[in-house]
């Protein structure tokens, strides 16, 4: 009897201790030291921002704050250093400006679109759950302007440019951050007119977004 009872008693106490341990949150991951959490090596961000063209002529035609949408993929190269590849699109409507006397309020509707592919580097310095970052890189840009009321008028092109950025982010969770970002870009087209001989489609941008890290 004693031989059969002792194993049963021992098994019962073990079961109760494991059960209480689970209730108190002392599962296997807490009974033994866990491995250090893996540092995310990649991040995908989605953002929206407001764009202000550097040239007054662009703002006259299209206004001062069209919406810009961007998607970026980041890959960690070293501690704090990331490679960044991105895609950005800008689409806005405007009206022509008449250089000289107009007749009967003459004006025409315009549509402008530009998409950019970019590649650059970013350095981020973490301060607890916050981080500040700065970066720069180059871009390839396609743009198209169309007069919607007059067939055959408008133009398009493809040009390279560059950008520089500053910003800050907050780690809301291990896999999710929210951020604010400011950017200055330059996209010289090599084209112009008598009124604007050197057209540059770059400018300032202020954006906010979320990044998913993995």
C-alpha atoms as a PDB file:
ATOM      1  CA  UNK A   1       0.000   0.000   0.000  1.00  0.00           C
ATOM      2  CA  UNK A   2       2.736   2.417   0.893  1.00  0.00           C
ATOM      3  CA  UNK A   3       4.605   1.647  -2.295  1.00  0.00           C
ATOM      4  CA  UNK A   4       1.565   2.433  -4.458  1.00  0.00           C
ATOM      5  CA  UNK A   5       0.461   5.527  -2.532  1.00  0.00           C
ATOM      6  CA  UNK A   6       3.736   7.430  -2.511  1.00  0.00           C
ATOM      7  CA  UNK A   7       4.043   7.711  -6.300  1.00  0.00           C
ATOM      8  CA  UNK A   8       0.424   8.812  -6.461  1.00  0.00           C
ATOM      9  CA  UNK A   9       0.954  11.446  -3.799  1.00  0.00           C
ATOM     10  CA  UNK A  10       4.069  12.735  -5.543  1.00  0.00           C
ATOM     11  CA  UNK A  11       2.258  12.857  -8.880  1.00  0.00           C
ATOM     12  CA  UNK A  12      -0.622  14.731  -7.288  1.00  0.00           C
ATOM     13  CA  UNK A  13       1.601  17.378  -5.762  1.00  0.00           C
ATOM     14  CA  UNK A  14       3.411  17.836  -9.093  1.00  0.00           C
ATOM     15  CA  UNK A  15       0.107  18.271 -10.910  1.00  0.00           C
ATOM     16  CA  UNK A  16      -1.117  20.827  -8.383  1.00  0.00           C
ATOM     17  CA  UNK A  17       2.152  22.793  -8.528  1.00  0.00           C
ATOM     18  CA  UNK A  18       2.100  22.909 -12.330  1.00  0.00           C
ATOM     19  CA  UNK A  19      -1.563  23.950 -12.285  1.00  0.00           C
ATOM     20  CA  UNK A  20      -0.908  26.743  -9.789  1.00  0.00           C
ATOM     21  CA  UNK A  21       2.127  27.805 -11.772  1.00  0.00           C
ATOM     22  CA  UNK A  22       0.032  28.196 -14.905  1.00  0.00           C
ATOM     23  CA  UNK A  23      -2.572  30.215 -13.006  1.00  0.00           C
ATOM     24  CA  UNK A  24       0.109  32.536 -11.633  1.00  0.00           C
ATOM     25  CA  UNK A  25       1.652  32.942 -15.051  1.00  0.00           C
ATOM     26  CA  UNK A  26       4.752  30.928 -14.204  1.00  0.00           C
ATOM     27  CA  UNK A  27       4.663  28.783 -17.309  1.00  0.00           C
ATOM     28  CA  UNK A  28       7.712  27.195 -18.929  1.00  0.00           C
ATOM     29  CA  UNK A  29       8.756  30.477 -20.541  1.00  0.00           C
ATOM     30  CA  UNK A  30       9.131  32.022 -17.092  1.00  0.00           C
ATOM     31  CA  UNK A  31      10.610  28.983 -15.336  1.00  0.00           C
ATOM     32  CA  UNK A  32      13.607  29.114 -17.654  1.00  0.00           C
ATOM     33  CA  UNK A  33      15.301  32.250 -19.051  1.00  0.00           C
ATOM     34  CA  UNK A  34      13.925  33.045 -22.491  1.00  0.00           C
ATOM     35  CA  UNK A  35      16.112  33.818 -25.479  1.00  0.00           C
ATOM     36  CA  UNK A  36      16.610  37.509 -26.312  1.00  0.00           C
ATOM     37  CA  UNK A  37      13.881  38.875 -28.579  1.00  0.00           C
ATOM     38  CA  UNK A  38      14.864  38.919 -32.211  1.00  0.00           C
ATOM     39  CA  UNK A  39      15.525  42.425 -33.510  1.00  0.00           C
ATOM     40  CA  UNK A  40      13.310  43.210 -36.532  1.00  0.00           C
ATOM     41  CA  UNK A  41      15.356  43.257 -39.723  1.00  0.00           C
ATOM     42  CA  UNK A  42      12.703  44.526 -42.136  1.00  0.00           C
ATOM     43  CA  UNK A  43       9.908  47.089 -42.082  1.00  0.00           C
ATOM     44  CA  UNK A  44       7.111  48.097 -44.457  1.00  0.00           C
ATOM     45  CA  UNK A  45       5.627  51.570 -44.033  1.00  0.00           C
ATOM     46  CA  UNK A  46       2.547  53.273 -45.453  1.00  0.00           C
ATOM     47  CA  UNK A  47       2.171  57.041 -45.208  1.00  0.00           C
ATOM     48  CA  UNK A  48       0.201  60.047 -46.389  1.00  0.00           C
ATOM     49  CA  UNK A  49       1.396  63.625 -46.509  1.00  0.00           C
ATOM     50  CA  UNK A  50       0.998  67.121 -47.871  1.00  0.00           C
ATOM     51  CA  UNK A  51       3.272  68.427 -50.602  1.00  0.00           C
ATOM     52  CA  UNK A  52       4.365  72.033 -51.200  1.00  0.00           C
ATOM     53  CA  UNK A  53       6.129  72.612 -54.515  1.00  0.00           C
ATOM     54  CA  UNK A  54       9.295  74.687 -54.385  1.00  0.00           C
ATOM     55  CA  UNK A  55       8.283  76.760 -57.442  1.00  0.00           C
ATOM     56  CA  UNK A  56       5.579  79.391 -57.159  1.00  0.00           C
ATOM     57  CA  UNK A  57       4.353  78.672 -60.694  1.00  0.00           C
ATOM     58  CA  UNK A  58       3.394  75.102 -59.720  1.00  0.00           C
ATOM     59  CA  UNK A  59       1.525  76.371 -56.662  1.00  0.00           C
ATOM     60  CA  UNK A  60      -0.284  78.938 -58.802  1.00  0.00           C
ATOM     61  CA  UNK A  61      -1.554  76.218 -61.128  1.00  0.00           C
ATOM     62  CA  UNK A  62      -2.202  73.393 -58.664  1.00  0.00           C
ATOM     63  CA  UNK A  63      -2.469  74.918 -55.216  1.00  0.00           C
ATOM     64  CA  UNK A  64      -0.186  74.664 -52.228  1.00  0.00           C
ATOM     65  CA  UNK A  65      -0.946  71.315 -50.575  1.00  0.00           C
ATOM     66  CA  UNK A  66      -1.837  68.299 -52.711  1.00  0.00           C
ATOM     67  CA  UNK A  67      -1.957  64.850 -51.104  1.00  0.00           C
ATOM     68  CA  UNK A  68       1.009  62.481 -51.485  1.00  0.00           C
ATOM     69  CA  UNK A  69       0.886  58.722 -50.805  1.00  0.00           C
ATOM     70  CA  UNK A  70       3.993  56.592 -50.226  1.00  0.00           C
ATOM     71  CA  UNK A  71       5.025  53.020 -49.489  1.00  0.00           C
ATOM     72  CA  UNK A  72       8.544  52.145 -48.293  1.00  0.00           C
ATOM     73  CA  UNK A  73      10.422  48.925 -47.604  1.00  0.00           C
ATOM     74  CA  UNK A  74      13.384  49.047 -45.206  1.00  0.00           C
ATOM     75  CA  UNK A  75      16.104  46.452 -44.616  1.00  0.00           C
ATOM     76  CA  UNK A  76      18.548  46.663 -41.710  1.00  0.00           C
ATOM     77  CA  UNK A  77      22.182  46.744 -42.830  1.00  0.00           C
ATOM     78  CA  UNK A  78      23.790  47.353 -39.419  1.00  0.00           C
ATOM     79  CA  UNK A  79      22.865  48.756 -36.023  1.00  0.00           C
ATOM     80  CA  UNK A  80      20.814  51.865 -36.779  1.00  0.00           C
ATOM     81  CA  UNK A  81      21.516  51.792 -40.544  1.00  0.00           C
ATOM     82  CA  UNK A  82      18.776  50.893 -43.011  1.00  0.00           C
ATOM     83  CA  UNK A  83      18.513  50.609 -46.788  1.00  0.00           C
ATOM     84  CA  UNK A  84      15.246  52.134 -48.032  1.00  0.00           C
ATOM     85  CA  UNK A  85      13.337  51.479 -51.258  1.00  0.00           C
ATOM     86  CA  UNK A  86      10.095  53.327 -51.888  1.00  0.00           C
ATOM     87  CA  UNK A  87       7.288  54.324 -54.209  1.00  0.00           C
ATOM     88  CA  UNK A  88       5.454  57.656 -54.095  1.00  0.00           C
ATOM     89  CA  UNK A  89       2.550  59.063 -56.080  1.00  0.00           C
ATOM     90  CA  UNK A  90       1.140  62.552 -56.472  1.00  0.00           C
ATOM     91  CA  UNK A  91      -2.051  63.357 -58.389  1.00  0.00           C
ATOM     92  CA  UNK A  92      -3.608  66.822 -58.470  1.00  0.00           C
ATOM     93  CA  UNK A  93      -5.978  68.969 -60.530  1.00  0.00           C
ATOM     94  CA  UNK A  94      -5.601  72.656 -61.337  1.00  0.00           C
ATOM     95  CA  UNK A  95      -6.413  75.415 -63.791  1.00  0.00           C
ATOM     96  CA  UNK A  96      -4.331  77.369 -66.258  1.00  0.00           C
ATOM     97  CA  UNK A  97      -3.061  80.858 -65.483  1.00  0.00           C
ATOM     98  CA  UNK A  98      -3.203  83.427 -68.277  1.00  0.00           C
ATOM     99  CA  UNK A  99      -0.083  85.542 -68.732  1.00  0.00           C
ATOM    100  CA  UNK A 100      -1.710  88.685 -70.031  1.00  0.00           C
ATOM    101  CA  UNK A 101      -5.257  89.934 -70.658  1.00  0.00           C
ATOM    102  CA  UNK A 102      -7.867  87.170 -70.624  1.00  0.00           C
ATOM    103  CA  UNK A 103     -11.130  87.045 -72.521  1.00  0.00           C
ATOM    104  CA  UNK A 104     -14.370  85.993 -70.845  1.00  0.00           C
ATOM    105  CA  UNK A 105     -12.494  84.535 -67.863  1.00  0.00           C
ATOM    106  CA  UNK A 106     -10.628  82.122 -70.103  1.00  0.00           C
ATOM    107  CA  UNK A 107      -9.138  79.153 -68.215  1.00  0.00           C
ATOM    108  CA  UNK A 108      -8.619  75.445 -68.757  1.00  0.00           C
ATOM    109  CA  UNK A 109      -8.563  72.485 -66.401  1.00  0.00           C
ATOM    110  CA  UNK A 110      -5.271  70.687 -65.795  1.00  0.00           C
ATOM    111  CA  UNK A 111      -4.332  67.296 -64.407  1.00  0.00           C
ATOM    112  CA  UNK A 112      -0.870  66.465 -63.145  1.00  0.00           C
ATOM    113  CA  UNK A 113       0.477  63.097 -62.025  1.00  0.00           C
ATOM    114  CA  UNK A 114       3.925  62.044 -60.850  1.00  0.00           C
ATOM    115  CA  UNK A 115       5.189  58.706 -59.571  1.00  0.00           C
ATOM    116  CA  UNK A 116       8.613  58.211 -58.027  1.00  0.00           C
ATOM    117  CA  UNK A 117      10.784  55.188 -57.343  1.00  0.00           C
ATOM    118  CA  UNK A 118      13.501  55.862 -54.784  1.00  0.00           C
ATOM    119  CA  UNK A 119      16.465  54.200 -53.169  1.00  0.00           C
ATOM    120  CA  UNK A 120      18.432  55.549 -50.234  1.00  0.00           C
ATOM    121  CA  UNK A 121      19.909  55.106 -46.769  1.00  0.00           C
ATOM    122  CA  UNK A 122      18.498  56.012 -43.358  1.00  0.00           C
ATOM    123  CA  UNK A 123      20.198  56.161 -39.973  1.00  0.00           C
ATOM    124  CA  UNK A 124      18.005  55.867 -36.864  1.00  0.00           C
ATOM    125  CA  UNK A 125      19.026  56.506 -33.262  1.00  0.00           C
ATOM    126  CA  UNK A 126      16.797  54.832 -30.664  1.00  0.00           C
ATOM    127  CA  UNK A 127      15.990  56.571 -27.369  1.00  0.00           C
ATOM    128  CA  UNK A 128      13.896  54.057 -25.450  1.00  0.00           C
ATOM    129  CA  UNK A 129      10.684  53.532 -27.404  1.00  0.00           C
ATOM    130  CA  UNK A 130      11.362  56.667 -29.450  1.00  0.00           C
ATOM    131  CA  UNK A 131      13.778  57.043 -32.345  1.00  0.00           C
ATOM    132  CA  UNK A 132      14.951  59.913 -34.524  1.00  0.00           C
ATOM    133  CA  UNK A 133      16.190  59.339 -38.048  1.00  0.00           C
ATOM    134  CA  UNK A 134      17.750  61.080 -41.034  1.00  0.00           C
ATOM    135  CA  UNK A 135      18.297  59.862 -44.555  1.00  0.00           C
ATOM    136  CA  UNK A 136      18.935  60.708 -48.192  1.00  0.00           C
ATOM    137  CA  UNK A 137      18.815  59.044 -51.577  1.00  0.00           C
ATOM    138  CA  UNK A 138      18.048  59.262 -55.268  1.00  0.00           C
ATOM    139  CA  UNK A 139      14.817  58.938 -57.213  1.00  0.00           C
ATOM    140  CA  UNK A 140      13.519  58.161 -60.686  1.00  0.00           C
ATOM    141  CA  UNK A 141      10.394  60.160 -61.507  1.00  0.00           C
ATOM    142  CA  UNK A 142       7.743  59.936 -64.216  1.00  0.00           C
ATOM    143  CA  UNK A 143       5.373  62.857 -64.657  1.00  0.00           C
ATOM    144  CA  UNK A 144       2.478  63.739 -66.950  1.00  0.00           C
ATOM    145  CA  UNK A 145       0.454  66.932 -67.394  1.00  0.00           C
ATOM    146  CA  UNK A 146      -2.787  67.019 -69.365  1.00  0.00           C
ATOM    147  CA  UNK A 147      -5.197  69.754 -70.417  1.00  0.00           C
ATOM    148  CA  UNK A 148      -8.546  68.045 -69.897  1.00  0.00           C
ATOM    149  CA  UNK A 149     -10.536  70.603 -71.956  1.00  0.00           C
ATOM    150  CA  UNK A 150      -8.169  70.743 -74.937  1.00  0.00           C
ATOM    151  CA  UNK A 151      -7.143  67.535 -76.684  1.00  0.00           C
ATOM    152  CA  UNK A 152      -3.462  67.143 -77.540  1.00  0.00           C
ATOM    153  CA  UNK A 153      -2.074  69.675 -75.066  1.00  0.00           C
ATOM    154  CA  UNK A 154       0.153  68.688 -72.170  1.00  0.00           C
ATOM    155  CA  UNK A 155       3.399  66.859 -71.750  1.00  0.00           C
ATOM    156  CA  UNK A 156       5.228  64.067 -69.983  1.00  0.00           C
ATOM    157  CA  UNK A 157       8.745  63.057 -69.097  1.00  0.00           C
ATOM    158  CA  UNK A 158      11.090  61.007 -66.942  1.00  0.00           C
ATOM    159  CA  UNK A 159      13.884  62.485 -64.838  1.00  0.00           C
ATOM    160  CA  UNK A 160      16.095  61.576 -61.918  1.00  0.00           C
ATOM    161  CA  UNK A 161      16.301  63.546 -58.673  1.00  0.00           C
ATOM    162  CA  UNK A 162      17.263  63.326 -55.031  1.00  0.00           C
ATOM    163  CA  UNK A 163      15.716  63.729 -51.573  1.00  0.00           C
ATOM    164  CA  UNK A 164      16.697  64.258 -47.931  1.00  0.00           C
ATOM    165  CA  UNK A 165      14.547  63.446 -44.895  1.00  0.00           C
ATOM    166  CA  UNK A 166      14.257  63.933 -41.130  1.00  0.00           C
ATOM    167  CA  UNK A 167      11.765  62.389 -38.758  1.00  0.00           C
ATOM    168  CA  UNK A 168      10.866  60.598 -35.572  1.00  0.00           C
ATOM    169  CA  UNK A 169       8.987  57.418 -34.662  1.00  0.00           C
ATOM    170  CA  UNK A 170       7.410  55.772 -31.636  1.00  0.00           C
ATOM    171  CA  UNK A 171       7.266  52.009 -31.067  1.00  0.00           C
ATOM    172  CA  UNK A 172       3.612  51.392 -30.215  1.00  0.00           C
ATOM    173  CA  UNK A 173       4.364  47.647 -30.174  1.00  0.00           C
ATOM    174  CA  UNK A 174       7.304  45.421 -30.996  1.00  0.00           C
ATOM    175  CA  UNK A 175       6.012  44.961 -34.536  1.00  0.00           C
ATOM    176  CA  UNK A 176       4.378  48.391 -35.065  1.00  0.00           C
ATOM    177  CA  UNK A 177       5.649  51.974 -35.058  1.00  0.00           C
ATOM    178  CA  UNK A 178       4.010  55.304 -35.869  1.00  0.00           C
ATOM    179  CA  UNK A 179       6.076  58.135 -37.293  1.00  0.00           C
ATOM    180  CA  UNK A 180       6.252  61.702 -38.577  1.00  0.00           C
ATOM    181  CA  UNK A 181       8.565  62.560 -41.455  1.00  0.00           C
ATOM    182  CA  UNK A 182       9.679  65.702 -43.279  1.00  0.00           C
ATOM    183  CA  UNK A 183      11.304  65.673 -46.708  1.00  0.00           C
ATOM    184  CA  UNK A 184      12.914  67.997 -49.216  1.00  0.00           C
ATOM    185  CA  UNK A 185      13.182  66.774 -52.812  1.00  0.00           C
ATOM    186  CA  UNK A 186      14.559  68.056 -56.099  1.00  0.00           C
ATOM    187  CA  UNK A 187      13.330  66.830 -59.499  1.00  0.00           C
ATOM    188  CA  UNK A 188      14.828  69.057 -62.236  1.00  0.00           C
ATOM    189  CA  UNK A 189      13.094  68.401 -65.551  1.00  0.00           C
ATOM    190  CA  UNK A 190      15.427  70.225 -67.909  1.00  0.00           C
ATOM    191  CA  UNK A 191      12.357  71.824 -69.478  1.00  0.00           C
ATOM    192  CA  UNK A 192      10.656  75.148 -69.126  1.00  0.00           C
ATOM    193  CA  UNK A 193       9.146  78.150 -70.845  1.00  0.00           C
ATOM    194  CA  UNK A 194       9.689  81.860 -71.153  1.00  0.00           C
ATOM    195  CA  UNK A 195       7.828  82.331 -67.862  1.00  0.00           C
ATOM    196  CA  UNK A 196       9.594  79.470 -66.030  1.00  0.00           C
ATOM    197  CA  UNK A 197      12.829  78.484 -67.790  1.00  0.00           C
ATOM    198  CA  UNK A 198      14.015  75.925 -65.201  1.00  0.00           C
ATOM    199  CA  UNK A 199      11.222  73.684 -63.958  1.00  0.00           C
ATOM    200  CA  UNK A 200      11.867  71.649 -60.800  1.00  0.00           C
ATOM    201  CA  UNK A 201       9.026  69.416 -59.592  1.00  0.00           C
ATOM    202  CA  UNK A 202      10.480  68.920 -56.116  1.00  0.00           C
ATOM    203  CA  UNK A 203       9.550  70.625 -52.891  1.00  0.00           C
ATOM    204  CA  UNK A 204       8.731  70.091 -49.234  1.00  0.00           C
ATOM    205  CA  UNK A 205       6.626  67.280 -47.817  1.00  0.00           C
ATOM    206  CA  UNK A 206       5.242  66.585 -44.339  1.00  0.00           C
ATOM    207  CA  UNK A 207       3.900  63.067 -43.787  1.00  0.00           C
ATOM    208  CA  UNK A 208       2.648  60.681 -41.115  1.00  0.00           C
ATOM    209  CA  UNK A 209       2.301  56.931 -41.244  1.00  0.00           C
ATOM    210  CA  UNK A 210       2.691  53.487 -39.700  1.00  0.00           C
ATOM    211  CA  UNK A 211       5.455  50.916 -40.138  1.00  0.00           C
ATOM    212  CA  UNK A 212       5.129  47.152 -39.660  1.00  0.00           C
ATOM    213  CA  UNK A 213       8.380  45.517 -38.522  1.00  0.00           C
ATOM    214  CA  UNK A 214       9.316  41.876 -38.892  1.00  0.00           C
END
